Structures are given as C-alpha cells and as structure tokens.
Amino acid sequence: MNFPISIFILDVSNSSSSDMGEELTNYLDELVNRINVWTKDFGHCKVKHRAGDEIIFVGYGYSTAYIIAFFISRVWKYSDHTPYFGLSFGDSDRELEEVDIEKWIHPLIKQARYANDLIKHEQVRPIFKFELDQFYQNSALFPYNQFRYELEVLINSLLRLQMTMIKEQTPIQDQVCTYYLILQQQKAVAALLGKTAPTISSHYKKGKCEVIINVFNELITILDSLQEKSYTDNPEKTTSKSVSLMESIRNHLKEIINL
C-alpha cells in the first residue's frame, strides 16, 4: 500500500556569516513548535530542526509541504536571513507513524535535499524549488510520472514568477499581501493596519498580491488533483484536507496578531 506524502527541507540564507546564530536557532525551534500546532488535527507529520539552520518536514498529502512552506515564507521574521525550501512530493510504501525521520532513507527526501542544494548554488536564490525527476514508482499506477519533467518545469517556472513579484513588493505591499493571505478580507487588513480600504486596495493591486496568492492556490489545486487521481480508492477529498490545514494555520496566526 502506498501513501501520498510531501517533503520540504528549509535552509536559511547567510546564517553562517551571522552573529545571530543562537537567535536563529531559537527561532527555528519556535517554527517547529508552530508547525506542530498547525498540523496537530491534520494527520501524522514529522518535523525536525537539525544541522543548525535546517528544518525537515514530511507530511501526508502532495500539497501539505508547500502550503506550510508558503505560510512560513510570508511570516518569516528575519529579512536579512531569508528561508529557502527544497520540496518534493510523491508516494511512500510506509506510514509516517513508523518512520524515524532522522534515519529514514527515502528517494523523495533525496529529491528535496537535491532541490535545496541546487538553490544554494544559484546566484539569485528562489524561495521554492521542486525536484520531481525520480519517482521510483510504476507509471501504470501513477500515470502522471511519465510527465514528471514537464510538470517540474511548469511548477518551478510559476514559482519563479511568483518570487519575482514578491521581491518587487515594497514593505507595505508585502505586509498587505501577508495579512490578506491570513485574513482574506481587505477591510480586515485595513482595520488591522489602521488605513483606509482604498489605500489597502491600492497596495494590494500595485503589489500584485492577487497574482501571488493565486499562484499559491492554483499550485495547491494541481497537487491535490494529482493526488486524487492517483488515489481514487480514497473516499476523503484531498481538497478538504488542504482547506482544513490552511484554516488551522490562519486561525493560529490570527491568535498571534490578536485577531
């Protein structure tokens, strides 16, 4: 029996050249605790802070790792030490409950780490990179695997366009985009920031917030659709699981900003 899973490996830019090593370490520990809160009602997930400035996450669902990684990237605290994520998704023949993440050797973990290593060597580092070119599965069972290279190129191209728009945002546009992702209402964002609704609407449009968030949502839709077509015998709708996870993350973040 196979189980749909996704993985990210988070690394931090400029961590080795910083005098903030201890502060970043504490922050990553805090992130691990936060992820455990977000996923406590979602299903079994594995998350560990290891190797100083690295977090590894494995969870059920093709879109799970990307959902969590995107929210982390939007609420990340240190602008001079930004995170980047090597990601992968696919299938495991073992339940995660049985796995020791510190010792587990799985092709998808290798793929996520390879993606992470590729990011390190890029002059302009992307925030996210998927590596999907080795699924180690029977293509008769998972037909989309025969198009994995094309799928990887399309996903990473979308993510690069999204990153370009994020990098071009002003600080206030970035703030509006993040709060809109959490609150999902421009009026609520305006109330939180103490600005008028038209002002928030202007920042939202100029910062291309709608496009950035649409890329996020469309990628989740694609990953969920792939999972549902690969696991047709599973009566539980993948989309509802993704929505529940995002609701959990948003509710927790609202508590943090006192809403």
Protein backbone atom coordinates (compact mmCIF):
# COMPACT_ATOMS: atom_id res chain seq x y z
CA MET A 1 0.00 0.00 0.00
CA ASN A 2 1.23 3.47 -0.89
CA PHE A 3 0.71 6.76 0.94
CA PRO A 4 0.85 10.25 -0.61
CA ILE A 5 3.46 12.43 1.08
CA SER A 6 5.30 15.71 0.59
CA ILE A 7 8.56 17.00 1.96
CA PHE A 8 10.39 20.25 2.41
CA ILE A 9 13.88 20.99 3.61
CA LEU A 10 14.19 24.57 4.85
CA ASP A 11 17.55 26.28 4.94
CA VAL A 12 18.42 29.85 5.96
CA SER A 13 20.39 32.33 3.87
CA ASN A 14 23.51 33.95 5.36
CA SER A 15 23.25 32.01 8.60
CA SER A 16 26.92 31.00 8.73
CA SER A 17 28.14 34.59 8.33
CA SER A 18 25.86 35.96 11.01
CA ASP A 19 26.40 36.72 14.66
CA MET A 20 22.75 35.76 15.14
CA GLY A 21 23.35 32.03 15.24
CA GLU A 22 21.72 31.45 18.61
CA GLU A 23 18.77 33.71 17.82
CA LEU A 24 18.14 31.93 14.50
CA THR A 25 18.43 28.55 16.23
CA ASN A 26 15.81 29.57 18.78
CA TYR A 27 13.58 30.90 16.01
CA LEU A 28 13.78 27.61 14.09
CA ASP A 29 12.86 25.74 17.28
CA GLU A 30 9.88 28.07 17.60
CA LEU A 31 8.90 27.32 13.98
CA VAL A 32 8.97 23.58 14.66
CA ASN A 33 6.60 24.09 17.58
CA ARG A 34 4.38 26.28 15.40
CA ILE A 35 4.22 23.65 12.64
CA ASN A 36 3.24 21.03 15.20
CA VAL A 37 0.39 23.28 16.32
CA TRP A 38 -0.75 23.88 12.73
CA THR A 39 -0.81 20.16 11.94
CA LYS A 40 -1.99 18.65 15.23
CA ASP A 41 -5.50 17.89 13.86
CA PHE A 42 -4.38 17.29 10.28
CA GLY A 43 -2.75 13.90 10.47
CA HIS A 44 0.63 12.48 11.40
CA CYS A 45 3.53 14.71 10.34
CA LYS A 46 7.23 14.63 11.06
CA VAL A 47 9.19 17.83 11.57
CA LYS A 48 12.69 18.29 12.95
CA HIS A 49 15.15 21.14 13.41
CA ARG A 50 18.56 19.77 12.65
CA ALA A 51 22.03 20.69 11.39
CA GLY A 52 21.92 24.16 12.89
CA ASP A 53 19.86 26.09 10.35
CA GLU A 54 17.78 23.34 8.72
CA ILE A 55 14.23 22.10 9.22
CA ILE A 56 12.95 18.95 7.56
CA PHE A 57 9.22 18.32 7.25
CA VAL A 58 7.35 15.26 5.99
CA GLY A 59 3.57 15.03 5.96
CA TYR A 60 0.71 13.24 4.26
CA GLY A 61 -0.65 14.88 1.12
CA TYR A 62 1.04 16.14 -2.04
CA SER A 63 0.33 19.81 -1.26
CA THR A 64 0.96 19.80 2.50
CA ALA A 65 4.64 20.73 2.49
CA TYR A 66 4.13 23.57 0.01
CA ILE A 67 1.20 25.00 1.98
CA ILE A 68 3.25 25.14 5.18
CA ALA A 69 6.38 26.40 3.40
CA PHE A 70 4.47 29.25 1.76
CA PHE A 71 2.97 30.46 5.02
CA ILE A 72 6.38 30.26 6.70
CA SER A 73 7.91 32.33 3.93
CA ARG A 74 5.25 35.03 4.32
CA VAL A 75 5.52 35.41 8.11
CA TRP A 76 9.30 34.89 8.35
CA LYS A 77 10.85 37.25 10.88
CA TYR A 78 14.36 37.97 9.57
CA SER A 79 14.57 39.79 6.23
CA ASP A 80 18.37 39.55 6.13
CA HIS A 81 18.28 35.79 6.67
CA THR A 82 15.53 34.57 4.38
CA PRO A 83 14.46 30.91 4.16
CA TYR A 84 14.51 28.77 1.05
CA PHE A 85 12.81 25.43 0.53
CA GLY A 86 13.71 22.33 -1.43
CA LEU A 87 10.47 20.44 -1.99
CA SER A 88 9.26 17.15 -3.34
CA PHE A 89 6.13 15.05 -3.31
CA GLY A 90 5.22 11.52 -4.23
CA ASP A 91 4.49 8.22 -2.55
CA SER A 92 5.77 6.14 0.34
CA ASP A 93 5.22 2.46 0.99
CA ARG A 94 5.48 3.11 4.74
CA GLU A 95 3.20 5.03 7.06
CA LEU A 96 4.83 8.07 8.59
CA GLU A 97 3.95 6.85 12.07
CA GLU A 98 6.55 4.11 11.56
CA VAL A 99 9.31 6.39 10.35
CA ASP A 100 12.26 7.83 12.27
CA ILE A 101 12.88 10.97 10.25
CA GLU A 102 16.49 11.17 11.45
CA LYS A 103 17.29 7.77 9.93
CA TRP A 104 14.75 7.37 7.14
CA ILE A 105 16.32 6.92 3.72
CA HIS A 106 13.74 7.65 1.04
CA PRO A 107 14.15 8.83 -2.59
CA LEU A 108 11.84 11.80 -2.03
CA ILE A 109 13.99 13.08 0.83
CA LYS A 110 16.96 12.88 -1.51
CA GLN A 111 15.00 14.82 -4.10
CA ALA A 112 14.06 17.58 -1.62
CA ARG A 113 17.67 17.82 -0.48
CA TYR A 114 18.88 17.94 -4.07
CA ALA A 115 16.45 20.80 -4.74
CA ASN A 116 17.75 22.59 -1.65
CA ASP A 117 21.35 22.13 -2.80
CA LEU A 118 20.53 23.49 -6.26
CA ILE A 119 19.07 26.63 -4.67
CA LYS A 120 22.29 27.18 -2.69
CA HIS A 121 24.30 27.41 -5.90
CA GLU A 122 22.02 29.88 -7.67
CA GLN A 123 23.15 33.49 -7.75
CA VAL A 124 19.58 34.69 -7.26
CA ARG A 125 18.12 32.13 -4.92
CA PRO A 126 14.49 31.16 -5.49
CA ILE A 127 12.33 30.76 -2.40
CA PHE A 128 10.97 27.38 -3.51
CA LYS A 129 12.21 24.66 -5.81
CA PHE A 130 10.64 21.28 -6.55
CA GLU A 131 12.60 18.27 -7.74
CA LEU A 132 10.34 15.57 -9.20
CA ASP A 133 12.50 13.78 -11.72
CA GLN A 134 12.78 10.43 -9.91
CA PHE A 135 9.56 8.94 -8.58
CA TYR A 136 10.60 5.29 -8.34
CA GLN A 137 7.01 4.20 -8.94
CA ASN A 138 5.24 2.13 -11.55
CA SER A 139 3.96 4.61 -14.14
CA ALA A 140 0.97 2.36 -14.71
CA LEU A 141 -0.13 3.10 -11.14
CA PHE A 142 0.78 6.78 -11.24
CA PRO A 143 0.43 7.82 -14.91
CA TYR A 144 1.47 11.47 -14.39
CA ASN A 145 5.00 10.25 -13.56
CA GLN A 146 5.75 9.93 -17.29
CA PHE A 147 5.35 13.73 -17.49
CA ARG A 148 7.27 14.49 -14.31
CA TYR A 149 9.98 16.55 -16.02
CA GLU A 150 7.43 18.76 -17.76
CA LEU A 151 5.47 19.11 -14.53
CA GLU A 152 8.59 20.09 -12.61
CA VAL A 153 9.49 22.77 -15.18
CA LEU A 154 5.97 24.25 -15.11
CA ILE A 155 5.77 24.32 -11.31
CA ASN A 156 9.21 25.87 -10.88
CA SER A 157 8.52 28.43 -13.62
CA LEU A 158 5.36 29.54 -11.81
CA LEU A 159 7.27 29.75 -8.54
CA ARG A 160 9.99 31.90 -10.12
CA LEU A 161 7.40 34.32 -11.49
CA GLN A 162 5.77 34.42 -8.08
CA MET A 163 9.15 35.08 -6.43
CA THR A 164 9.90 37.92 -8.86
CA MET A 165 6.64 39.63 -7.92
CA ILE A 166 7.30 39.10 -4.20
CA LYS A 167 10.81 40.58 -4.49
CA GLU A 168 9.41 43.67 -6.24
CA GLN A 169 6.96 44.46 -3.43
CA THR A 170 7.52 47.45 -1.19
CA PRO A 171 7.46 46.76 2.58
CA ILE A 172 3.84 47.92 2.89
CA GLN A 173 2.78 45.86 -0.14
CA ASP A 174 4.50 42.84 1.38
CA GLN A 175 2.67 43.46 4.65
CA VAL A 176 -0.70 43.85 2.92
CA CYS A 177 -0.14 40.64 0.96
CA THR A 178 0.75 38.66 4.06
CA TYR A 179 -2.18 39.93 6.10
CA TYR A 180 -4.57 39.35 3.21
CA LEU A 181 -3.32 35.76 2.93
CA ILE A 182 -4.20 35.30 6.60
CA LEU A 183 -7.38 37.40 6.90
CA GLN A 184 -8.71 37.05 3.33
CA GLN A 185 -10.53 40.40 3.51
CA GLN A 186 -9.17 43.79 2.53
CA LYS A 187 -11.41 45.52 5.07
CA ALA A 188 -9.93 43.39 7.85
CA VAL A 189 -6.41 44.22 6.66
CA ALA A 190 -7.30 47.92 6.61
CA ALA A 191 -8.61 47.75 10.19
CA LEU A 192 -5.51 45.90 11.36
CA LEU A 193 -3.10 48.37 9.77
CA GLY A 194 -5.15 51.45 10.62
CA LYS A 195 -5.53 52.50 7.00
CA THR A 196 -8.49 53.15 4.70
CA ALA A 197 -9.89 50.39 2.50
CA PRO A 198 -8.97 52.29 -0.73
CA THR A 199 -5.36 52.60 0.48
CA ILE A 200 -5.17 48.87 1.15
CA SER A 201 -6.78 48.15 -2.23
CA SER A 202 -4.15 50.28 -3.95
CA HIS A 203 -1.26 48.49 -2.22
CA TYR A 204 -2.92 45.14 -2.96
CA LYS A 205 -3.12 45.89 -6.69
CA LYS A 206 0.28 47.56 -7.08
CA GLY A 207 1.95 44.74 -5.12
CA LYS A 208 0.36 42.11 -7.42
CA CYS A 209 -0.94 40.40 -4.28
CA GLU A 210 -3.81 38.75 -6.11
CA VAL A 211 -1.48 37.12 -8.64
CA ILE A 212 0.95 35.96 -5.92
CA ILE A 213 -1.82 34.35 -3.89
CA ASN A 214 -3.47 32.90 -6.99
CA VAL A 215 -0.25 31.10 -7.91
CA PHE A 216 -0.21 29.64 -4.40
CA ASN A 217 -3.84 28.50 -4.66
CA GLU A 218 -3.52 27.12 -8.19
CA LEU A 219 -0.47 25.03 -7.27
CA ILE A 220 -2.37 23.56 -4.34
CA THR A 221 -5.29 22.75 -6.67
CA ILE A 222 -2.93 21.00 -9.11
CA LEU A 223 -1.18 18.96 -6.40
CA ASP A 224 -4.49 17.97 -4.81
CA SER A 225 -5.88 16.94 -8.19
CA LEU A 226 -2.84 14.77 -8.89
CA GLN A 227 -3.26 13.09 -5.53
CA GLU A 228 -6.98 12.43 -6.02
CA LYS A 229 -6.36 10.90 -9.46
CA SER A 230 -3.57 8.72 -8.05
CA TYR A 231 -5.60 7.52 -5.03
CA THR A 232 -9.08 7.03 -6.46
CA ASP A 233 -9.95 4.45 -3.81
CA ASN A 234 -9.62 7.06 -1.03
CA PRO A 235 -13.09 8.44 -0.27
CA GLU A 236 -11.77 11.50 1.56
CA LYS A 237 -11.49 14.57 -0.62
CA THR A 238 -7.92 15.86 -0.75
CA THR A 239 -9.11 19.44 -1.24
CA SER A 240 -10.97 19.44 2.06
CA LYS A 241 -7.80 18.34 3.86
CA SER A 242 -5.83 21.20 2.32
CA VAL A 243 -8.55 23.71 3.22
CA SER A 244 -8.60 22.42 6.80
CA LEU A 245 -4.84 22.77 7.07
CA MET A 246 -4.92 26.35 5.78
CA GLU A 247 -7.75 27.19 8.20
CA SER A 248 -5.69 25.80 11.07
CA ILE A 249 -2.67 27.88 10.06
CA ARG A 250 -4.74 31.04 9.62
CA ASN A 251 -6.52 30.60 12.95
CA HIS A 252 -3.22 30.19 14.77
CA LEU A 253 -1.67 33.21 13.05
CA LYS A 254 -4.75 35.29 13.90
CA GLU A 255 -4.18 34.44 17.55
CA ILE A 256 -0.59 35.65 17.26
CA ILE A 257 -1.66 39.02 15.83
CA ASN A 258 -4.53 39.23 18.34
CA LEU A 259 -7.46 38.88 15.96
